[in-house]
Amino acid sequence: MKHHKFIYSILIYHIHCSLQSSPSMVYFRKIHFTLSYAFLKLRSNKTNGY
């Protein structure tokens, strides 16, 4: 569950930053990329036995 909280905090941080500056599709693409990367790392960690 710690991993999920970490991912959510990253998501909230990215949304906060995108709201501070002018929101555009670039920021949402960055959020999507970060989330997919985090989930990929989570999956690889599970298969590696961490």
C-alpha atoms as a PDB file:
ATOM      1  CA  MET A   1       0.000   0.000   0.000  1.00  0.00           C
ATOM      2  CA  LYS A   2       2.972   2.333   0.504  1.00  0.00           C
ATOM      3  CA  HIS A   3       3.640   2.177  -3.236  1.00  0.00           C
ATOM      4  CA  HIS A   4       0.060   3.244  -4.004  1.00  0.00           C
ATOM      5  CA  LYS A   5       0.302   6.208  -1.628  1.00  0.00           C
ATOM      6  CA  PHE A   6       3.559   7.198  -3.324  1.00  0.00           C
ATOM      7  CA  ILE A   7       1.954   7.028  -6.774  1.00  0.00           C
ATOM      8  CA  TYR A   8      -1.038   9.066  -5.604  1.00  0.00           C
ATOM      9  CA  SER A   9       1.244  11.713  -4.119  1.00  0.00           C
ATOM     10  CA  ILE A  10       3.086  11.955  -7.447  1.00  0.00           C
ATOM     11  CA  LEU A  11      -0.244  12.293  -9.259  1.00  0.00           C
ATOM     12  CA  ILE A  12      -1.466  15.006  -6.877  1.00  0.00           C
ATOM     13  CA  TYR A  13       1.880  16.820  -7.171  1.00  0.00           C
ATOM     14  CA  HIS A  14       1.706  16.823 -10.967  1.00  0.00           C
ATOM     15  CA  ILE A  15      -1.911  18.038 -10.961  1.00  0.00           C
ATOM     16  CA  HIS A  16      -0.987  20.793  -8.489  1.00  0.00           C
ATOM     17  CA  CYS A  17       1.925  21.927 -10.671  1.00  0.00           C
ATOM     18  CA  SER A  18      -0.195  21.858 -13.822  1.00  0.00           C
ATOM     19  CA  LEU A  19      -2.865  23.970 -12.111  1.00  0.00           C
ATOM     20  CA  GLN A  20      -0.297  26.519 -10.921  1.00  0.00           C
ATOM     21  CA  SER A  21       0.866  27.126 -14.474  1.00  0.00           C
ATOM     22  CA  SER A  22      -1.351  27.136 -17.566  1.00  0.00           C
ATOM     23  CA  PRO A  23      -2.921  23.655 -17.821  1.00  0.00           C
ATOM     24  CA  SER A  24      -2.433  21.994 -21.190  1.00  0.00           C
ATOM     25  CA  MET A  25      -2.278  18.503 -22.675  1.00  0.00           C
ATOM     26  CA  VAL A  26       1.497  18.459 -22.144  1.00  0.00           C
ATOM     27  CA  TYR A  27       1.099  18.317 -18.370  1.00  0.00           C
ATOM     28  CA  PHE A  28      -1.501  15.560 -18.551  1.00  0.00           C
ATOM     29  CA  ARG A  29       0.752  13.565 -20.865  1.00  0.00           C
ATOM     30  CA  LYS A  30       3.550  13.950 -18.326  1.00  0.00           C
ATOM     31  CA  ILE A  31       1.221  12.711 -15.573  1.00  0.00           C
ATOM     32  CA  HIS A  32       0.139   9.748 -17.708  1.00  0.00           C
ATOM     33  CA  PHE A  33       3.760   8.872 -18.543  1.00  0.00           C
ATOM     34  CA  THR A  34       4.803   9.111 -14.885  1.00  0.00           C
ATOM     35  CA  LEU A  35       1.931   6.879 -13.772  1.00  0.00           C
ATOM     36  CA  SER A  36       2.568   4.248 -16.450  1.00  0.00           C
ATOM     37  CA  TYR A  37       6.269   4.241 -15.600  1.00  0.00           C
ATOM     38  CA  ALA A  38       5.505   3.863 -11.886  1.00  0.00           C
ATOM     39  CA  PHE A  39       3.107   0.970 -12.516  1.00  0.00           C
ATOM     40  CA  LEU A  40       5.651  -0.713 -14.789  1.00  0.00           C
ATOM     41  CA  LYS A  41       8.267  -0.454 -12.030  1.00  0.00           C
ATOM     42  CA  LEU A  42       5.756  -1.855  -9.531  1.00  0.00           C
ATOM     43  CA  ARG A  43       5.047  -4.855 -11.777  1.00  0.00           C
ATOM     44  CA  SER A  44       8.747  -5.559 -12.350  1.00  0.00           C
ATOM     45  CA  ASN A  45       9.390  -5.284  -8.602  1.00  0.00           C
ATOM     46  CA  LYS A  46       6.643  -7.817  -7.860  1.00  0.00           C
ATOM     47  CA  THR A  47       8.008 -10.309 -10.390  1.00  0.00           C
ATOM     48  CA  ASN A  48      11.528  -9.826  -9.020  1.00  0.00           C
ATOM     49  CA  GLY A  49      10.268 -10.676  -5.536  1.00  0.00           C
ATOM     50  CA  TYR A  50      10.688  -7.307  -3.827  1.00  0.00           C
END
